């Protein structure tokens, strides 16, 4: 169920946010809802970034997938080669 929310925000911020939403093909309501969802998640102690959390479930990874190992490997490739 959605509910209407009234916010008071600086006009210039609203204009920039609307522009950003348009460029990214999303609505301002969607951006704000996603932000509020991210900052209020119960599992806030997780080591997983918000961007990665959004992707969870959209990709099938092997059962033995090691996120830390893959991240470390990618960083090493980027910075040491």
N, C-alpha and C. Protein backbone atom coordinates (compact mmCIF):
# COMPACT_ATOMS: atom_id res chain seq x y z
N UNK A 1 0.84 -1.17 0.00
CA UNK A 1 0.00 0.00 0.00
C UNK A 1 0.90 1.24 0.00
N UNK A 2 0.62 2.16 -0.86
CA UNK A 2 1.38 3.41 -0.87
C UNK A 2 0.60 4.49 -0.14
N UNK A 3 1.33 5.43 0.42
CA UNK A 3 0.75 6.54 1.16
C UNK A 3 1.41 7.82 0.71
N UNK A 4 0.63 8.87 0.61
CA UNK A 4 1.16 10.16 0.21
C UNK A 4 1.96 10.77 1.36
N UNK A 5 3.09 11.41 1.00
CA UNK A 5 3.96 12.03 1.99
C UNK A 5 4.30 13.43 1.52
N UNK A 6 4.20 14.40 2.40
CA UNK A 6 4.55 15.77 2.08
C UNK A 6 5.87 16.10 2.75
N UNK A 7 6.81 16.60 1.95
CA UNK A 7 8.13 16.96 2.46
C UNK A 7 8.42 18.42 2.19
N UNK A 8 9.23 19.03 3.03
CA UNK A 8 9.71 20.39 2.81
C UNK A 8 11.20 20.30 2.51
N UNK A 9 11.55 20.67 1.26
CA UNK A 9 12.93 20.54 0.80
C UNK A 9 13.29 21.80 0.01
N UNK A 10 14.55 22.21 0.09
CA UNK A 10 15.01 23.36 -0.67
C UNK A 10 14.68 23.20 -2.16
N UNK A 11 14.23 24.27 -2.77
CA UNK A 11 13.79 24.22 -4.16
C UNK A 11 14.91 23.75 -5.10
N UNK A 12 16.13 24.21 -4.88
CA UNK A 12 17.22 23.82 -5.76
C UNK A 12 17.51 22.32 -5.66
N UNK A 13 17.35 21.76 -4.47
CA UNK A 13 17.57 20.33 -4.29
C UNK A 13 16.49 19.54 -5.02
N UNK A 14 15.26 20.01 -4.93
CA UNK A 14 14.16 19.34 -5.63
C UNK A 14 14.41 19.37 -7.13
N UNK A 15 14.82 20.51 -7.65
CA UNK A 15 15.08 20.63 -9.09
C UNK A 15 16.18 19.67 -9.53
N UNK A 16 17.27 19.61 -8.75
CA UNK A 16 18.36 18.69 -9.09
C UNK A 16 17.91 17.24 -9.00
N UNK A 17 17.12 16.93 -7.98
CA UNK A 17 16.64 15.57 -7.80
C UNK A 17 15.71 15.16 -8.93
N UNK A 18 14.84 16.06 -9.36
CA UNK A 18 13.95 15.76 -10.49
C UNK A 18 14.75 15.54 -11.76
N UNK A 19 15.77 16.34 -11.96
CA UNK A 19 16.63 16.19 -13.13
C UNK A 19 17.34 14.84 -13.09
N UNK A 20 17.87 14.49 -11.95
CA UNK A 20 18.54 13.20 -11.78
C UNK A 20 17.57 12.05 -12.04
N UNK A 21 16.38 12.14 -11.48
CA UNK A 21 15.38 11.09 -11.66
C UNK A 21 15.05 10.92 -13.15
N UNK A 22 14.89 12.03 -13.83
CA UNK A 22 14.57 11.97 -15.26
C UNK A 22 15.70 11.33 -16.05
N UNK A 23 16.94 11.71 -15.74
CA UNK A 23 18.11 11.15 -16.44
C UNK A 23 18.24 9.65 -16.22
N UNK A 24 17.86 9.19 -15.05
CA UNK A 24 18.00 7.78 -14.73
C UNK A 24 16.74 6.97 -15.02
N UNK A 25 15.71 7.63 -15.53
CA UNK A 25 14.48 6.92 -15.91
C UNK A 25 13.65 6.46 -14.73
N UNK A 26 13.76 7.18 -13.62
CA UNK A 26 12.99 6.83 -12.43
C UNK A 26 12.19 8.03 -11.97
N UNK A 27 11.25 7.78 -11.10
CA UNK A 27 10.47 8.88 -10.53
C UNK A 27 11.14 9.37 -9.26
N UNK A 28 10.85 10.58 -8.88
CA UNK A 28 11.38 11.13 -7.64
C UNK A 28 10.86 10.32 -6.45
N UNK A 29 9.62 9.90 -6.52
CA UNK A 29 9.06 9.07 -5.44
C UNK A 29 9.83 7.76 -5.30
N UNK A 30 10.20 7.16 -6.43
CA UNK A 30 10.95 5.91 -6.40
C UNK A 30 12.32 6.12 -5.76
N UNK A 31 12.99 7.22 -6.13
CA UNK A 31 14.30 7.51 -5.56
C UNK A 31 14.21 7.67 -4.04
N UNK A 32 13.24 8.43 -3.60
CA UNK A 32 13.09 8.68 -2.16
C UNK A 32 12.70 7.39 -1.43
N UNK A 33 11.80 6.61 -2.02
CA UNK A 33 11.41 5.35 -1.39
C UNK A 33 12.60 4.41 -1.27
N UNK A 34 13.41 4.30 -2.33
CA UNK A 34 14.59 3.44 -2.28
C UNK A 34 15.58 3.92 -1.23
N UNK A 35 15.77 5.24 -1.14
CA UNK A 35 16.67 5.79 -0.13
C UNK A 35 16.17 5.46 1.28
N UNK A 36 14.90 5.69 1.53
CA UNK A 36 14.34 5.40 2.85
C UNK A 36 14.42 3.92 3.17
N UNK A 37 14.20 3.08 2.19
CA UNK A 37 14.32 1.63 2.38
C UNK A 37 15.75 1.27 2.77
N UNK A 38 16.71 1.85 2.09
CA UNK A 38 18.11 1.55 2.34
C UNK A 38 18.53 1.95 3.75
N UNK A 39 18.15 3.13 4.19
CA UNK A 39 18.61 3.60 5.49
C UNK A 39 17.84 3.00 6.66
N UNK A 40 16.72 2.35 6.38
CA UNK A 40 15.93 1.78 7.48
C UNK A 40 15.94 0.26 7.51
N UNK A 41 16.75 -0.36 6.68
CA UNK A 41 16.80 -1.82 6.67
C UNK A 41 17.19 -2.34 8.04
N UNK A 42 16.54 -3.41 8.44
CA UNK A 42 16.82 -4.00 9.76
C UNK A 42 18.21 -4.61 9.81
N UNK A 43 18.68 -5.15 8.71
CA UNK A 43 19.98 -5.81 8.67
C UNK A 43 21.05 -4.79 8.31
N UNK A 44 21.12 -3.69 9.04
CA UNK A 44 22.04 -2.61 8.71
C UNK A 44 23.49 -2.95 9.04
N UNK A 45 23.73 -4.04 9.77
CA UNK A 45 25.09 -4.43 10.12
C UNK A 45 25.74 -5.29 9.05
N UNK A 46 25.04 -5.54 7.98
CA UNK A 46 25.57 -6.39 6.92
C UNK A 46 26.76 -5.74 6.24
N UNK A 47 27.71 -6.57 5.81
CA UNK A 47 28.89 -6.08 5.09
C UNK A 47 28.59 -5.81 3.62
N UNK A 48 27.40 -6.15 3.18
CA UNK A 48 27.04 -6.00 1.78
C UNK A 48 26.62 -4.56 1.48
N UNK A 49 27.11 -4.02 0.37
CA UNK A 49 26.78 -2.65 0.01
C UNK A 49 25.32 -2.58 -0.45
N UNK A 50 24.68 -1.40 -0.36
CA UNK A 50 23.30 -1.25 -0.81
C UNK A 50 23.12 -1.61 -2.28
N UNK A 51 24.11 -1.27 -3.10
CA UNK A 51 24.00 -1.61 -4.53
C UNK A 51 23.98 -3.12 -4.73
N UNK A 52 24.83 -3.81 -4.00
CA UNK A 52 24.86 -5.26 -4.12
C UNK A 52 23.57 -5.88 -3.59
N UNK A 53 23.04 -5.33 -2.50
CA UNK A 53 21.78 -5.84 -1.95
C UNK A 53 20.65 -5.78 -2.97
N UNK A 54 20.65 -4.71 -3.80
CA UNK A 54 19.62 -4.58 -4.82
C UNK A 54 19.71 -5.70 -5.86
N UNK A 55 20.92 -6.20 -6.08
CA UNK A 55 21.13 -7.23 -7.08
C UNK A 55 20.88 -8.64 -6.57
N UNK A 56 20.85 -8.81 -5.26
CA UNK A 56 20.68 -10.13 -4.68
C UNK A 56 19.39 -10.75 -5.21
N UNK A 57 19.53 -11.97 -5.71
CA UNK A 57 18.38 -12.68 -6.25
C UNK A 57 18.25 -12.53 -7.75
N UNK A 58 18.90 -11.54 -8.34
CA UNK A 58 18.78 -11.35 -9.79
C UNK A 58 19.82 -12.15 -10.56
N UNK A 59 20.82 -12.66 -9.86
CA UNK A 59 21.89 -13.44 -10.48
C UNK A 59 22.06 -14.73 -9.68
N UNK A 60 22.17 -15.84 -10.39
CA UNK A 60 22.40 -17.11 -9.71
C UNK A 60 23.91 -17.33 -9.57
N UNK A 61 24.40 -17.35 -8.37
CA UNK A 61 25.82 -17.58 -8.09
C UNK A 61 26.01 -18.99 -7.56
N UNK A 62 27.19 -19.56 -7.80
CA UNK A 62 27.45 -20.90 -7.25
C UNK A 62 27.35 -20.89 -5.73
N UNK A 63 27.01 -22.03 -5.16
CA UNK A 63 26.85 -22.13 -3.70
C UNK A 63 28.16 -21.79 -2.97
N UNK A 64 29.29 -22.05 -3.61
CA UNK A 64 30.58 -21.80 -2.96
C UNK A 64 31.17 -20.44 -3.32
N UNK A 65 30.36 -19.53 -3.84
CA UNK A 65 30.85 -18.20 -4.23
C UNK A 65 31.35 -17.45 -3.01
N UNK A 66 32.57 -16.92 -3.11
CA UNK A 66 33.19 -16.19 -2.01
C UNK A 66 33.29 -14.71 -2.41
N UNK A 67 32.37 -13.90 -1.91
CA UNK A 67 32.30 -12.48 -2.27
C UNK A 67 33.61 -11.76 -1.94
N UNK A 68 34.11 -11.98 -0.74
CA UNK A 68 35.35 -11.29 -0.34
C UNK A 68 36.52 -11.67 -1.23
N UNK A 69 36.64 -12.94 -1.56
CA UNK A 69 37.73 -13.40 -2.42
C UNK A 69 37.62 -12.77 -3.81
N UNK A 70 36.41 -12.73 -4.37
CA UNK A 70 36.20 -12.14 -5.70
C UNK A 70 36.47 -10.64 -5.69
N UNK A 71 36.04 -9.98 -4.64
CA UNK A 71 36.28 -8.54 -4.54
C UNK A 71 37.78 -8.26 -4.44
N UNK A 72 38.45 -9.00 -3.59
CA UNK A 72 39.89 -8.84 -3.43
C UNK A 72 40.61 -9.08 -4.76
N UNK A 73 40.21 -10.11 -5.48
CA UNK A 73 40.81 -10.43 -6.77
C UNK A 73 40.60 -9.30 -7.78
N UNK A 74 39.40 -8.75 -7.81
CA UNK A 74 39.11 -7.65 -8.74
C UNK A 74 39.92 -6.41 -8.41
N UNK A 75 40.07 -6.12 -7.14
CA UNK A 75 40.85 -4.96 -6.72
C UNK A 75 42.32 -5.15 -7.07
N UNK A 76 42.82 -6.38 -6.84
CA UNK A 76 44.21 -6.67 -7.18
C UNK A 76 44.46 -6.52 -8.68
N UNK A 77 43.55 -7.04 -9.48
CA UNK A 77 43.68 -6.93 -10.94
C UNK A 77 43.69 -5.46 -11.37
N UNK A 78 42.83 -4.68 -10.77
CA UNK A 78 42.71 -3.28 -11.14
C UNK A 78 43.96 -2.49 -10.75
N UNK A 79 44.49 -2.75 -9.57
CA UNK A 79 45.55 -1.90 -9.05
C UNK A 79 46.95 -2.46 -9.14
N UNK A 80 47.08 -3.77 -9.35
CA UNK A 80 48.42 -4.35 -9.35
C UNK A 80 48.89 -4.77 -10.74
N UNK A 81 48.03 -4.80 -11.70
CA UNK A 81 48.44 -5.20 -13.06
C UNK A 81 48.63 -4.04 -13.97
